[in-house]
Protein backbone atom coordinates (compact mmCIF):
# COMPACT_ATOMS: atom_id res chain seq x y z
CA UNK A 1 71.15 -70.15 -26.22
CA UNK A 2 69.73 -66.92 -24.90
CA UNK A 3 71.56 -64.01 -23.34
CA UNK A 4 70.52 -63.23 -19.78
CA UNK A 5 70.65 -59.91 -17.96
CA UNK A 6 73.45 -61.41 -15.84
CA UNK A 7 75.44 -62.16 -19.03
CA UNK A 8 75.11 -58.51 -20.05
CA UNK A 9 76.12 -57.29 -16.58
CA UNK A 10 79.15 -59.61 -16.57
CA UNK A 11 80.19 -58.35 -20.00
CA UNK A 12 79.86 -54.70 -18.95
CA UNK A 13 81.85 -55.37 -15.77
CA UNK A 14 84.64 -57.02 -17.79
CA UNK A 15 84.85 -54.13 -20.25
CA UNK A 16 84.85 -51.58 -17.43
CA UNK A 17 87.62 -53.43 -15.58
CA UNK A 18 89.68 -53.81 -18.78
CA UNK A 19 89.50 -50.09 -19.61
CA UNK A 20 90.11 -48.91 -16.05
CA UNK A 21 93.01 -51.34 -15.49
CA UNK A 22 94.66 -49.69 -18.51
CA UNK A 23 93.83 -46.21 -17.15
CA UNK A 24 91.94 -45.34 -20.34
CA UNK A 25 95.21 -45.70 -22.27
CA UNK A 26 95.48 -47.44 -25.58
CA UNK A 27 96.49 -47.31 -29.18
CA UNK A 28 94.41 -45.57 -31.81
CA UNK A 29 94.03 -46.92 -35.35
CA UNK A 30 95.94 -44.04 -36.99
CA UNK A 31 98.48 -43.25 -34.27
CA UNK A 32 101.61 -44.14 -36.25
CA UNK A 33 102.80 -40.54 -36.15
CA UNK A 34 103.10 -40.79 -32.37
CA UNK A 35 106.22 -42.88 -33.01
CA UNK A 36 109.63 -41.27 -32.49
CA UNK A 37 110.29 -42.32 -36.11
CA UNK A 38 108.07 -39.43 -37.16
CA UNK A 39 111.21 -37.29 -36.95
CA UNK A 40 112.50 -39.23 -39.96
CA UNK A 41 109.62 -37.90 -42.07
CA UNK A 42 111.26 -34.44 -41.90
CA UNK A 43 107.83 -32.82 -41.73
CA UNK A 44 106.76 -34.11 -45.16
CA UNK A 45 103.04 -34.84 -45.25
CA UNK A 46 103.43 -37.75 -47.67
CA UNK A 47 106.02 -39.48 -45.46
CA UNK A 48 103.84 -38.95 -42.39
CA UNK A 49 100.93 -40.51 -44.24
CA UNK A 50 103.13 -43.48 -45.15
CA UNK A 51 104.19 -43.99 -41.53
CA UNK A 52 100.61 -43.66 -40.36
CA UNK A 53 99.33 -46.17 -42.93
CA UNK A 54 102.12 -48.70 -42.39
CA UNK A 55 101.26 -48.83 -38.68
CA UNK A 56 97.52 -48.89 -39.40
CA UNK A 57 97.58 -51.60 -42.06
CA UNK A 58 100.43 -53.85 -40.96
CA UNK A 59 99.45 -57.48 -40.39
CA UNK A 60 101.84 -57.54 -37.43
CA UNK A 61 101.76 -55.36 -34.33
CA UNK A 62 104.30 -52.61 -35.14
CA UNK A 63 103.43 -50.16 -32.38
CA UNK A 64 105.72 -51.69 -29.73
CA UNK A 65 108.58 -51.97 -32.23
CA UNK A 66 108.12 -48.35 -33.36
CA UNK A 67 107.66 -47.19 -29.75
CA UNK A 68 104.17 -45.78 -30.30
CA UNK A 69 102.96 -45.08 -26.75
CA UNK A 70 99.61 -46.08 -25.38
CA UNK A 71 98.07 -42.68 -24.75
CA UNK A 72 95.24 -41.49 -22.55
CA UNK A 73 92.32 -41.16 -24.87
CA UNK A 74 89.68 -38.47 -24.75
CA UNK A 75 87.63 -40.73 -27.00
CA UNK A 76 87.75 -43.50 -24.40
CA UNK A 77 86.87 -41.05 -21.64
CA UNK A 78 83.90 -39.73 -23.61
CA UNK A 79 82.57 -43.17 -24.51
CA UNK A 80 83.09 -44.46 -20.97
CA UNK A 81 81.43 -41.37 -19.44
CA UNK A 82 78.37 -42.00 -21.61
CA UNK A 83 78.40 -45.67 -20.63
CA UNK A 84 78.71 -44.86 -16.94
CA UNK A 85 75.80 -42.42 -17.21
CA UNK A 86 73.68 -45.07 -18.94
CA UNK A 87 74.55 -47.62 -16.27
CA UNK A 88 73.80 -45.12 -13.51
CA UNK A 89 70.40 -44.40 -15.04
CA UNK A 90 69.71 -48.11 -15.37
CA UNK A 91 70.96 -49.28 -11.96
CA UNK A 92 71.06 -46.20 -9.73
CA UNK A 93 74.45 -47.41 -8.44
CA UNK A 94 76.42 -44.38 -7.22
CA UNK A 95 79.81 -45.68 -8.38
CA UNK A 96 78.69 -45.36 -12.01
CA UNK A 97 77.84 -41.70 -11.44
CA UNK A 98 81.19 -41.15 -9.71
CA UNK A 99 83.09 -42.73 -12.60
CA UNK A 100 81.13 -40.63 -15.11
CA UNK A 101 81.99 -37.46 -13.19
CA UNK A 102 85.68 -38.43 -13.06
CA UNK A 103 85.72 -38.93 -16.83
CA UNK A 104 83.94 -35.65 -17.49
CA UNK A 105 86.29 -33.79 -15.14
CA UNK A 106 89.24 -35.35 -16.99
CA UNK A 107 87.78 -34.20 -20.32
CA UNK A 108 87.46 -30.64 -19.03
CA UNK A 109 91.06 -30.68 -17.79
CA UNK A 110 92.33 -32.17 -21.08
CA UNK A 111 90.49 -30.16 -23.73
CA UNK A 112 92.30 -28.86 -26.80
CA UNK A 113 94.76 -26.35 -25.34
CA UNK A 114 94.56 -23.58 -27.94
CA UNK A 115 90.80 -23.04 -27.67
CA UNK A 116 88.75 -21.46 -24.92
CA UNK A 117 85.72 -23.70 -25.41
CA UNK A 118 85.57 -27.44 -24.85
CA UNK A 119 86.88 -29.39 -27.83
CA UNK A 120 89.08 -32.44 -28.35
CA UNK A 121 91.33 -33.96 -30.97
CA UNK A 122 93.72 -36.86 -31.45
CA UNK A 123 96.62 -37.41 -29.08
CA UNK A 124 99.00 -37.60 -32.04
CA UNK A 125 99.65 -35.63 -35.22
CA UNK A 126 97.54 -36.77 -38.14
CA UNK A 127 98.27 -36.57 -41.86
CA UNK A 128 95.74 -36.76 -44.70
CA UNK A 129 95.66 -36.05 -48.42
CA UNK A 130 94.35 -32.62 -47.46
CA UNK A 131 97.24 -31.80 -45.16
CA UNK A 132 98.30 -32.27 -41.56
CA UNK A 133 96.46 -31.87 -38.30
CA UNK A 134 98.56 -31.05 -35.22
CA UNK A 135 98.21 -33.11 -32.06
CA UNK A 136 95.11 -32.17 -30.02
CA UNK A 137 93.69 -29.96 -32.78
CA UNK A 138 89.90 -30.20 -32.37
CA UNK A 139 88.06 -32.75 -34.47
CA UNK A 140 84.30 -32.50 -34.83
CA UNK A 141 83.72 -36.24 -34.33
CA UNK A 142 85.54 -36.46 -30.97
CA UNK A 143 84.16 -33.13 -29.82
CA UNK A 144 80.61 -34.25 -30.68
CA UNK A 145 80.94 -37.65 -28.99
CA UNK A 146 82.37 -36.07 -25.86
CA UNK A 147 79.81 -33.27 -25.97
CA UNK A 148 76.98 -35.79 -26.02
CA UNK A 149 78.48 -37.44 -22.91
CA UNK A 150 78.21 -34.06 -21.15
CA UNK A 151 74.60 -33.68 -22.31
CA UNK A 152 73.77 -37.14 -20.96
């Protein structure tokens, strides 16, 4: 069985509809510290790491139980902006350009708040062996991905 251009277009349309229907909101792999239960960690890095890892590695879906919200994602906006740009270049369809511009405008409006230049971080606090990262503190990976979307 071979994949046709129509199969690819159908797949892209389904992904676009799925993401837009959810308003670019979703769960992130390490978003356990977005739960209200984070207050029970009393600010201890180790306990925050435990909460984060339990949510990440659980074989059952804990996020609804722990009230982890689906958050608007700058990562999703950056990836989708790049995808819209690619589709606009490929098809010339104006709606792809419009969607790309909406995503890029959203990224500008939702950059990391404590920095003058464009940068982005997670929508939740993050804990590692090296310490803690506050919510929306810039991360080089997300900033680079989103930056490339702007360059496109």
